[in-house]
PDB file of N, CA and C in Angstrom:
ATOM      1  N   UNK A   1     -92.406 -84.494 125.339  1.00  0.00           N
ATOM      2  CA  UNK A   1     -92.784 -85.302 124.203  1.00  0.00           C
ATOM      3  C   UNK A   1     -94.255 -85.572 124.241  1.00  0.00           C
ATOM      4  N   UNK A   2     -94.930 -85.516 123.136  1.00  0.00           N
ATOM      5  CA  UNK A   2     -96.355 -85.751 123.048  1.00  0.00           C
ATOM      6  C   UNK A   2     -96.547 -87.196 122.457  1.00  0.00           C
ATOM      7  N   UNK A   3     -97.717 -87.743 122.807  1.00  0.00           N
ATOM      8  CA  UNK A   3     -98.140 -89.046 122.333  1.00  0.00           C
ATOM      9  C   UNK A   3     -99.444 -88.868 121.550  1.00  0.00           C
ATOM     10  N   UNK A   4     -99.544 -89.487 120.408  1.00  0.00           N
ATOM     11  CA  UNK A   4    -100.738 -89.388 119.571  1.00  0.00           C
ATOM     12  C   UNK A   4    -101.488 -90.725 119.598  1.00  0.00           C
ATOM     13  N   UNK A   5    -102.787 -90.573 119.356  1.00  0.00           N
ATOM     14  CA  UNK A   5    -103.601 -91.776 119.237  1.00  0.00           C
ATOM     15  C   UNK A   5    -103.417 -92.464 117.869  1.00  0.00           C
ATOM     16  N   UNK A   6    -103.399 -93.747 117.900  1.00  0.00           N
ATOM     17  CA  UNK A   6    -103.234 -94.452 116.566  1.00  0.00           C
ATOM     18  C   UNK A   6    -104.532 -94.436 115.805  1.00  0.00           C
ATOM     19  N   UNK A   7    -105.600 -93.990 116.418  1.00  0.00           N
ATOM     20  CA  UNK A   7    -106.859 -93.912 115.635  1.00  0.00           C
ATOM     21  C   UNK A   7    -107.248 -92.500 115.243  1.00  0.00           C
ATOM     22  N   UNK A   8    -106.620 -91.522 115.878  1.00  0.00           N
ATOM     23  CA  UNK A   8    -106.910 -90.101 115.574  1.00  0.00           C
ATOM     24  C   UNK A   8    -105.658 -89.263 115.830  1.00  0.00           C
ATOM     25  N   UNK A   9    -104.991 -88.878 114.767  1.00  0.00           N
ATOM     26  CA  UNK A   9    -103.750 -88.046 114.883  1.00  0.00           C
ATOM     27  C   UNK A   9    -103.995 -86.731 115.518  1.00  0.00           C
ATOM     28  N   UNK A  10    -105.228 -86.235 115.574  1.00  0.00           N
ATOM     29  CA  UNK A  10    -105.520 -85.003 116.195  1.00  0.00           C
ATOM     30  C   UNK A  10    -105.478 -85.025 117.714  1.00  0.00           C
ATOM     31  N   UNK A  11    -105.541 -86.222 118.288  1.00  0.00           N
ATOM     32  CA  UNK A  11    -105.477 -86.374 119.710  1.00  0.00           C
ATOM     33  C   UNK A  11    -104.031 -86.491 120.104  1.00  0.00           C
ATOM     34  N   UNK A  12    -103.559 -85.539 120.919  1.00  0.00           N
ATOM     35  CA  UNK A  12    -102.140 -85.539 121.364  1.00  0.00           C
ATOM     36  C   UNK A  12    -102.123 -85.188 122.844  1.00  0.00           C
ATOM     37  N   UNK A  13    -101.398 -86.010 123.616  1.00  0.00           N
ATOM     38  CA  UNK A  13    -101.282 -85.780 125.034  1.00  0.00           C
ATOM     39  C   UNK A  13     -99.866 -85.946 125.545  1.00  0.00           C
ATOM     40  N   UNK A  14     -99.531 -85.404 126.701  1.00  0.00           N
ATOM     41  CA  UNK A  14     -98.227 -85.590 127.323  1.00  0.00           C
ATOM     42  C   UNK A  14     -98.065 -87.054 127.851  1.00  0.00           C
ATOM     43  N   UNK A  15     -96.862 -87.496 128.086  1.00  0.00           N
ATOM     44  CA  UNK A  15     -96.656 -88.847 128.503  1.00  0.00           C
ATOM     45  C   UNK A  15     -97.396 -89.239 129.732  1.00  0.00           C
ATOM     46  N   UNK A  16     -97.470 -88.351 130.713  1.00  0.00           N
ATOM     47  CA  UNK A  16     -98.128 -88.669 131.985  1.00  0.00           C
ATOM     48  C   UNK A  16     -99.603 -88.925 131.754  1.00  0.00           C
ATOM     49  N   UNK A  17    -100.221 -88.217 130.858  1.00  0.00           N
ATOM     50  CA  UNK A  17    -101.617 -88.403 130.528  1.00  0.00           C
ATOM     51  C   UNK A  17    -101.870 -89.676 129.744  1.00  0.00           C
ATOM     52  N   UNK A  18    -100.922 -90.008 128.839  1.00  0.00           N
ATOM     53  CA  UNK A  18    -101.019 -91.250 128.032  1.00  0.00           C
ATOM     54  C   UNK A  18    -100.933 -92.436 128.964  1.00  0.00           C
ATOM     55  N   UNK A  19    -100.082 -92.365 129.974  1.00  0.00           N
ATOM     56  CA  UNK A  19     -99.922 -93.451 130.946  1.00  0.00           C
ATOM     57  C   UNK A  19    -101.182 -93.561 131.763  1.00  0.00           C
ATOM     58  N   UNK A  20    -101.679 -92.449 132.248  1.00  0.00           N
ATOM     59  CA  UNK A  20    -102.898 -92.446 133.129  1.00  0.00           C
ATOM     60  C   UNK A  20    -104.092 -93.010 132.378  1.00  0.00           C
ATOM     61  N   UNK A  21    -104.277 -92.561 131.153  1.00  0.00           N
ATOM     62  CA  UNK A  21    -105.476 -92.985 130.397  1.00  0.00           C
ATOM     63  C   UNK A  21    -105.337 -94.377 129.821  1.00  0.00           C
ATOM     64  N   UNK A  22    -104.140 -94.802 129.446  1.00  0.00           N
ATOM     65  CA  UNK A  22    -104.032 -96.141 128.894  1.00  0.00           C
ATOM     66  C   UNK A  22    -104.339 -96.188 127.396  1.00  0.00           C
ATOM     67  N   UNK A  23    -105.564 -95.914 127.096  1.00  0.00           N
ATOM     68  CA  UNK A  23    -106.077 -95.837 125.754  1.00  0.00           C
ATOM     69  C   UNK A  23    -106.713 -94.489 125.491  1.00  0.00           C
ATOM     70  N   UNK A  24    -106.762 -94.048 124.215  1.00  0.00           N
ATOM     71  CA  UNK A  24    -107.442 -92.755 123.950  1.00  0.00           C
ATOM     72  C   UNK A  24    -108.940 -93.065 123.922  1.00  0.00           C
ATOM     73  N   UNK A  25    -109.770 -92.031 123.966  1.00  0.00           N
ATOM     74  CA  UNK A  25    -111.201 -92.082 124.051  1.00  0.00           C
ATOM     75  C   UNK A  25    -111.837 -93.015 123.020  1.00  0.00           C
ATOM     76  N   UNK A  26    -111.235 -92.980 121.758  1.00  0.00           N
ATOM     77  CA  UNK A  26    -111.862 -93.790 120.708  1.00  0.00           C
ATOM     78  C   UNK A  26    -111.254 -95.193 120.607  1.00  0.00           C
ATOM     79  N   UNK A  27    -110.382 -95.546 121.627  1.00  0.00           N
ATOM     80  CA  UNK A  27    -109.846 -96.907 121.692  1.00  0.00           C
ATOM     81  C   UNK A  27    -108.458 -97.084 121.119  1.00  0.00           C
ATOM     82  N   UNK A  28    -107.871 -95.984 120.579  1.00  0.00           N
ATOM     83  CA  UNK A  28    -106.513 -96.095 120.002  1.00  0.00           C
ATOM     84  C   UNK A  28    -105.443 -96.194 121.026  1.00  0.00           C
ATOM     85  N   UNK A  29    -104.334 -96.604 120.671  1.00  0.00           N
ATOM     86  CA  UNK A  29    -103.164 -96.593 121.533  1.00  0.00           C
ATOM     87  C   UNK A  29    -102.407 -95.263 121.447  1.00  0.00           C
ATOM     88  N   UNK A  30    -101.773 -94.944 122.511  1.00  0.00           N
ATOM     89  CA  UNK A  30    -100.941 -93.735 122.436  1.00  0.00           C
ATOM     90  C   UNK A  30     -99.532 -94.117 122.091  1.00  0.00           C
ATOM     91  N   UNK A  31     -98.934 -93.547 121.106  1.00  0.00           N
ATOM     92  CA  UNK A  31     -97.603 -93.764 120.608  1.00  0.00           C
ATOM     93  C   UNK A  31     -96.842 -92.489 120.568  1.00  0.00           C
ATOM     94  N   UNK A  32     -95.502 -92.470 120.759  1.00  0.00           N
ATOM     95  CA  UNK A  32     -94.725 -91.192 120.708  1.00  0.00           C
ATOM     96  C   UNK A  32     -94.858 -90.562 119.336  1.00  0.00           C
ATOM     97  N   UNK A  33     -94.905 -89.227 119.322  1.00  0.00           N
ATOM     98  CA  UNK A  33     -95.000 -88.534 118.021  1.00  0.00           C
ATOM     99  C   UNK A  33     -93.674 -88.596 117.306  1.00  0.00           C
ATOM    100  N   UNK A  34     -92.595 -88.924 117.996  1.00  0.00           N
ATOM    101  CA  UNK A  34     -91.254 -89.119 117.373  1.00  0.00           C
ATOM    102  C   UNK A  34     -90.462 -90.051 118.260  1.00  0.00           C
ATOM    103  N   UNK A  35     -89.498 -90.714 117.661  1.00  0.00           N
ATOM    104  CA  UNK A  35     -88.586 -91.572 118.487  1.00  0.00           C
ATOM    105  C   UNK A  35     -87.284 -90.881 118.673  1.00  0.00           C
ATOM    106  N   UNK A  36     -86.879 -90.700 119.947  1.00  0.00           N
ATOM    107  CA  UNK A  36     -85.600 -89.996 120.233  1.00  0.00           C
ATOM    108  C   UNK A  36     -84.406 -90.736 119.519  1.00  0.00           C
ATOM    109  N   UNK A  37     -83.506 -90.021 119.010  1.00  0.00           N
ATOM    110  CA  UNK A  37     -82.318 -90.600 118.419  1.00  0.00           C
ATOM    111  C   UNK A  37     -81.235 -90.703 119.515  1.00  0.00           C
ATOM    112  N   UNK A  38     -80.653 -91.892 119.612  1.00  0.00           N
ATOM    113  CA  UNK A  38     -79.552 -92.154 120.551  1.00  0.00           C
ATOM    114  C   UNK A  38     -78.308 -92.428 119.719  1.00  0.00           C
ATOM    115  N   UNK A  39     -77.374 -91.489 119.805  1.00  0.00           N
ATOM    116  CA  UNK A  39     -76.188 -91.558 118.978  1.00  0.00           C
ATOM    117  C   UNK A  39     -75.228 -92.664 119.535  1.00  0.00           C
ATOM    118  N   UNK A  40     -74.204 -92.941 118.721  1.00  0.00           N
ATOM    119  CA  UNK A  40     -73.172 -93.904 119.113  1.00  0.00           C
ATOM    120  C   UNK A  40     -72.438 -93.342 120.387  1.00  0.00           C
ATOM    121  N   UNK A  41     -72.247 -92.062 120.378  1.00  0.00           N
ATOM    122  CA  UNK A  41     -71.590 -91.409 121.547  1.00  0.00           C
ATOM    123  C   UNK A  41     -72.435 -91.625 122.843  1.00  0.00           C
ATOM    124  N   UNK A  42     -73.761 -91.462 122.713  1.00  0.00           N
ATOM    125  CA  UNK A  42     -74.654 -91.662 123.847  1.00  0.00           C
ATOM    126  C   UNK A  42     -74.590 -93.189 124.290  1.00  0.00           C
ATOM    127  N   UNK A  43     -74.580 -94.052 123.352  1.00  0.00           N
ATOM    128  CA  UNK A  43     -74.494 -95.492 123.644  1.00  0.00           C
ATOM    129  C   UNK A  43     -73.231 -95.800 124.367  1.00  0.00           C
ATOM    130  N   UNK A  44     -72.113 -95.319 123.923  1.00  0.00           N
ATOM    131  CA  UNK A  44     -70.818 -95.565 124.562  1.00  0.00           C
ATOM    132  C   UNK A  44     -70.834 -94.967 125.996  1.00  0.00           C
ATOM    133  N   UNK A  45     -71.452 -93.822 126.167  1.00  0.00           N
ATOM    134  CA  UNK A  45     -71.582 -93.193 127.446  1.00  0.00           C
ATOM    135  C   UNK A  45     -72.415 -94.032 128.409  1.00  0.00           C
ATOM    136  N   UNK A  46     -73.471 -94.586 127.865  1.00  0.00           N
ATOM    137  CA  UNK A  46     -74.392 -95.399 128.743  1.00  0.00           C
ATOM    138  C   UNK A  46     -73.798 -96.760 129.013  1.00  0.00           C
ATOM    139  N   UNK A  47     -72.817 -97.256 128.272  1.00  0.00           N
ATOM    140  CA  UNK A  47     -72.279 -98.573 128.458  1.00  0.00           C
ATOM    141  C   UNK A  47     -71.756 -98.792 129.844  1.00  0.00           C
ATOM    142  N   UNK A  48     -71.207 -97.781 130.473  1.00  0.00           N
ATOM    143  CA  UNK A  48     -70.661 -97.899 131.813  1.00  0.00           C
ATOM    144  C   UNK A  48     -71.645 -97.614 132.919  1.00  0.00           C
ATOM    145  N   UNK A  49     -72.875 -97.305 132.572  1.00  0.00           N
ATOM    146  CA  UNK A  49     -73.907 -97.051 133.549  1.00  0.00           C
ATOM    147  C   UNK A  49     -74.517 -98.315 134.136  1.00  0.00           C
ATOM    148  N   UNK A  50     -75.070 -98.234 135.278  1.00  0.00           N
ATOM    149  CA  UNK A  50     -75.837 -99.363 135.812  1.00  0.00           C
ATOM    150  C   UNK A  50     -77.132 -99.499 135.017  1.00  0.00           C
ATOM    151  N   UNK A  51     -77.850-100.599 135.183  1.00  0.00           N
ATOM    152  CA  UNK A  51     -79.075-100.841 134.493  1.00  0.00           C
ATOM    153  C   UNK A  51     -80.091 -99.646 134.820  1.00  0.00           C
ATOM    154  N   UNK A  52     -80.168 -99.340 136.087  1.00  0.00           N
ATOM    155  CA  UNK A  52     -81.168 -98.259 136.497  1.00  0.00           C
ATOM    156  C   UNK A  52     -80.782 -96.894 135.929  1.00  0.00           C
ATOM    157  N   UNK A  53     -79.497 -96.614 135.914  1.00  0.00           N
ATOM    158  CA  UNK A  53     -79.059 -95.328 135.296  1.00  0.00           C
ATOM    159  C   UNK A  53     -79.406 -95.254 133.826  1.00  0.00           C
ATOM    160  N   UNK A  54     -79.157 -96.397 133.126  1.00  0.00           N
ATOM    161  CA  UNK A  54     -79.463 -96.457 131.712  1.00  0.00           C
ATOM    162  C   UNK A  54     -80.967 -96.323 131.456  1.00  0.00           C
ATOM    163  N   UNK A  55     -81.735 -96.993 132.288  1.00  0.00           N
ATOM    164  CA  UNK A  55     -83.193 -96.926 132.160  1.00  0.00           C
ATOM    165  C   UNK A  55     -83.673 -95.509 132.322  1.00  0.00           C
ATOM    166  N   UNK A  56     -83.119 -94.804 133.317  1.00  0.00           N
ATOM    167  CA  UNK A  56     -83.496 -93.413 133.539  1.00  0.00           C
ATOM    168  C   UNK A  56     -83.097 -92.535 132.331  1.00  0.00           C
ATOM    169  N   UNK A  57     -81.929 -92.804 131.781  1.00  0.00           N
ATOM    170  CA  UNK A  57     -81.452 -91.994 130.632  1.00  0.00           C
ATOM    171  C   UNK A  57     -82.391 -92.219 129.401  1.00  0.00           C
ATOM    172  N   UNK A  58     -82.781 -93.433 129.145  1.00  0.00           N
ATOM    173  CA  UNK A  58     -83.604 -93.702 127.984  1.00  0.00           C
ATOM    174  C   UNK A  58     -85.054 -93.278 128.257  1.00  0.00           C
ATOM    175  N   UNK A  59     -85.630 -93.725 129.411  1.00  0.00           N
ATOM    176  CA  UNK A  59     -87.005 -93.347 129.689  1.00  0.00           C
ATOM    177  C   UNK A  59     -87.224 -91.825 129.815  1.00  0.00           C
ATOM    178  N   UNK A  60     -86.185 -91.106 130.270  1.00  0.00           N
ATOM    179  CA  UNK A  60     -86.278 -89.664 130.341  1.00  0.00           C
ATOM    180  C   UNK A  60     -86.502 -89.005 129.003  1.00  0.00           C
ATOM    181  N   UNK A  61     -86.046 -89.649 127.958  1.00  0.00           N
ATOM    182  CA  UNK A  61     -86.221 -89.137 126.575  1.00  0.00           C
ATOM    183  C   UNK A  61     -87.662 -89.275 126.146  1.00  0.00           C
ATOM    184  N   UNK A  62     -88.373 -90.285 126.681  1.00  0.00           N
ATOM    185  CA  UNK A  62     -89.740 -90.536 126.284  1.00  0.00           C
ATOM    186  C   UNK A  62     -90.779 -89.932 127.293  1.00  0.00           C
ATOM    187  N   UNK A  63     -90.379 -89.782 128.529  1.00  0.00           N
ATOM    188  CA  UNK A  63     -91.281 -89.257 129.558  1.00  0.00           C
ATOM    189  C   UNK A  63     -90.828 -87.872 130.006  1.00  0.00           C
ATOM    190  N   UNK A  64     -90.872 -86.933 129.021  1.00  0.00           N
ATOM    191  CA  UNK A  64     -90.325 -85.620 129.238  1.00  0.00           C
ATOM    192  C   UNK A  64     -91.046 -84.728 130.235  1.00  0.00           C
ATOM    193  N   UNK A  65     -92.252 -85.089 130.606  1.00  0.00           N
ATOM    194  CA  UNK A  65     -92.990 -84.262 131.597  1.00  0.00           C
ATOM    195  C   UNK A  65     -92.822 -84.836 133.027  1.00  0.00           C
ATOM    196  N   UNK A  66     -91.982 -85.782 133.207  1.00  0.00           N
ATOM    197  CA  UNK A  66     -91.675 -86.346 134.522  1.00  0.00           C
ATOM    198  C   UNK A  66     -90.389 -85.659 135.049  1.00  0.00           C
ATOM    199  N   UNK A  67     -90.345 -85.393 136.321  1.00  0.00           N
ATOM    200  CA  UNK A  67     -89.148 -84.870 136.936  1.00  0.00           C
ATOM    201  C   UNK A  67     -88.160 -85.942 137.138  1.00  0.00           C
ATOM    202  N   UNK A  68     -86.892 -85.541 137.430  1.00  0.00           N
ATOM    203  CA  UNK A  68     -85.837 -86.557 137.667  1.00  0.00           C
ATOM    204  C   UNK A  68     -86.173 -87.397 138.931  1.00  0.00           C
ATOM    205  N   UNK A  69     -86.792 -86.694 139.917  1.00  0.00           N
ATOM    206  CA  UNK A  69     -87.208 -87.418 141.176  1.00  0.00           C
ATOM    207  C   UNK A  69     -88.252 -88.483 140.897  1.00  0.00           C
ATOM    208  N   UNK A  70     -89.234 -88.092 140.011  1.00  0.00           N
ATOM    209  CA  UNK A  70     -90.336 -88.997 139.663  1.00  0.00           C
ATOM    210  C   UNK A  70     -89.746 -90.194 138.915  1.00  0.00           C
ATOM    211  N   UNK A  71     -88.826 -89.954 137.976  1.00  0.00           N
ATOM    212  CA  UNK A  71     -88.197 -91.051 137.308  1.00  0.00           C
ATOM    213  C   UNK A  71     -87.441 -91.976 138.228  1.00  0.00           C
ATOM    214  N   UNK A  72     -86.719 -91.358 139.180  1.00  0.00           N
ATOM    215  CA  UNK A  72     -85.936 -92.176 140.148  1.00  0.00           C
ATOM    216  C   UNK A  72     -86.873 -93.096 140.900  1.00  0.00           C
ATOM    217  N   UNK A  73     -88.005 -92.585 141.337  1.00  0.00           N
ATOM    218  CA  UNK A  73     -88.929 -93.368 142.125  1.00  0.00           C
ATOM    219  C   UNK A  73     -89.554 -94.521 141.313  1.00  0.00           C
ATOM    220  N   UNK A  74     -89.804 -94.261 140.001  1.00  0.00           N
ATOM    221  CA  UNK A  74     -90.380 -95.259 139.148  1.00  0.00           C
ATOM    222  C   UNK A  74     -89.420 -96.335 138.807  1.00  0.00           C
ATOM    223  N   UNK A  75     -88.151 -95.959 138.674  1.00  0.00           N
ATOM    224  CA  UNK A  75     -87.130 -96.900 138.247  1.00  0.00           C
ATOM    225  C   UNK A  75     -86.592 -97.691 139.435  1.00  0.00           C
TER     226      UNK A  75
END
């Protein structure tokens, strides 16, 4: 998933770069270029997960350039 600057739509970076930079060069915030859809089926599936498992499931949809191991370490 890419993240775009709120001040310049032409600036697009991967999630890891958005996190590392914090703000884009012109001072804009990085926001996802789209919001992942979580279906009712996915919500029911996640209902029985632990908090950490659910966090990994949701964050993995936003942080697509992170490996599973990296997500595990962060969560």
